[in-house]
Amino acid sequence: MSEPILSVRTYWTIFLILVALTALTVGVSLVEIGRWHTPAGLAIATAKGLLVGLFFMHVIYSPRLTWIVIAASLFWFGLLMALTLADYFTRHWSVY
């Protein structure tokens, strides 16, 4: 199975987008946006992670089994985060 070769221009474009998103992260950290700091930072980090995974790690051209493994790992991560946050958010219910 031959994998498609990405052009150097594509790599540079993705690199420049990642640099711009990093600059956006710094910019958001300097602006007072209240409770939106964490969601904005996580959204930017997710976008950067997707770009790195899809293009630099060639996931976009990978077989479907790779996509299934990635989906399963993200599901597992979401499950662990949900259980951790469920414990964290209900701690004030305990009376010692």
Protein backbone atom coordinates (compact mmCIF):
# COMPACT_ATOMS: atom_id res chain seq x y z
CA MET A 1 0.00 0.00 0.00
CA SER A 2 1.56 3.26 -1.07
CA GLU A 3 0.98 6.25 1.12
CA PRO A 4 0.32 9.64 -0.41
CA ILE A 5 3.24 11.99 -0.11
CA LEU A 6 2.40 15.41 1.21
CA SER A 7 4.06 18.33 -0.46
CA VAL A 8 6.54 20.51 1.36
CA ARG A 9 4.09 23.39 0.92
CA THR A 10 1.46 21.47 2.92
CA TYR A 11 3.92 20.89 5.75
CA TRP A 12 4.87 24.57 5.81
CA THR A 13 1.23 25.62 5.75
CA ILE A 14 0.40 23.39 8.70
CA PHE A 15 3.52 24.62 10.50
CA LEU A 16 2.52 28.26 10.01
CA ILE A 17 -1.01 27.51 11.24
CA LEU A 18 0.49 25.89 14.35
CA VAL A 19 2.68 28.94 14.95
CA ALA A 20 -0.36 31.21 14.55
CA LEU A 21 -2.35 29.08 16.99
CA THR A 22 0.53 29.27 19.47
CA ALA A 23 0.55 33.05 19.13
CA LEU A 24 -3.22 33.01 19.63
CA THR A 25 -2.73 30.99 22.82
CA VAL A 26 -0.32 33.60 24.14
CA GLY A 27 -2.69 36.38 23.12
CA VAL A 28 -5.64 34.75 24.86
CA SER A 29 -3.59 34.31 28.02
CA LEU A 30 -2.90 38.05 28.12
CA VAL A 31 -6.52 39.12 27.62
CA GLU A 32 -8.96 39.07 30.53
CA ILE A 33 -11.86 36.94 29.34
CA GLY A 34 -13.00 35.65 32.71
CA ARG A 35 -14.20 32.11 32.88
CA TRP A 36 -13.51 31.52 29.18
CA HIS A 37 -9.72 31.17 29.60
CA THR A 38 -9.83 27.42 30.09
CA PRO A 39 -12.30 26.60 27.28
CA ALA A 40 -10.44 28.87 24.85
CA GLY A 41 -7.08 27.32 25.74
CA LEU A 42 -8.46 23.79 25.44
CA ALA A 43 -10.08 24.56 22.08
CA ILE A 44 -6.82 25.92 20.69
CA ALA A 45 -4.87 22.95 22.10
CA THR A 46 -7.36 20.54 20.55
CA ALA A 47 -7.01 22.20 17.16
CA LYS A 48 -3.21 22.01 17.38
CA GLY A 49 -3.35 18.38 18.46
CA LEU A 50 -5.62 17.51 15.55
CA LEU A 51 -3.33 19.20 13.05
CA VAL A 52 -0.25 17.42 14.40
CA GLY A 53 -2.01 14.06 14.52
CA LEU A 54 -3.66 14.28 11.13
CA PHE A 55 -0.83 15.71 9.07
CA PHE A 56 2.53 15.24 10.80
CA MET A 57 1.65 11.75 12.07
CA HIS A 58 -0.14 10.90 8.77
CA VAL A 59 -3.30 9.72 10.51
CA ILE A 60 -5.39 11.29 7.78
CA TYR A 61 -4.06 8.66 5.34
CA SER A 62 -4.02 5.75 7.80
CA PRO A 63 -6.18 2.64 7.54
CA ARG A 64 -9.53 2.51 9.32
CA LEU A 65 -8.10 0.33 12.10
CA THR A 66 -5.93 3.26 13.18
CA TRP A 67 -9.01 5.49 13.31
CA ILE A 68 -10.79 2.88 15.45
CA VAL A 69 -7.87 2.74 17.87
CA ILE A 70 -7.79 6.53 18.13
CA ALA A 71 -11.56 6.68 18.70
CA ALA A 72 -11.35 3.99 21.38
CA SER A 73 -8.52 5.78 23.15
CA LEU A 74 -10.41 9.09 23.09
CA PHE A 75 -13.50 7.34 24.44
CA TRP A 76 -11.43 5.80 27.24
CA PHE A 77 -9.86 9.18 28.03
CA GLY A 78 -13.32 10.79 28.14
CA LEU A 79 -14.58 8.06 30.46
CA LEU A 80 -11.66 8.53 32.85
CA MET A 81 -12.11 12.31 32.83
CA ALA A 82 -15.85 11.99 33.49
CA LEU A 83 -15.28 9.70 36.45
CA THR A 84 -12.53 11.92 37.84
CA LEU A 85 -14.63 15.05 37.50
CA ALA A 86 -17.66 13.29 39.00
CA ASP A 87 -15.60 12.63 42.11
CA TYR A 88 -14.21 16.16 42.16
CA PHE A 89 -17.58 17.90 41.75
CA THR A 90 -19.29 15.82 44.46
CA ARG A 91 -16.67 16.20 47.18
CA HIS A 92 -18.53 19.01 48.90
CA TRP A 93 -21.39 16.57 49.57
CA SER A 94 -19.28 14.63 52.09
CA VAL A 95 -19.47 15.69 55.71
CA TYR A 96 -16.56 14.53 57.85
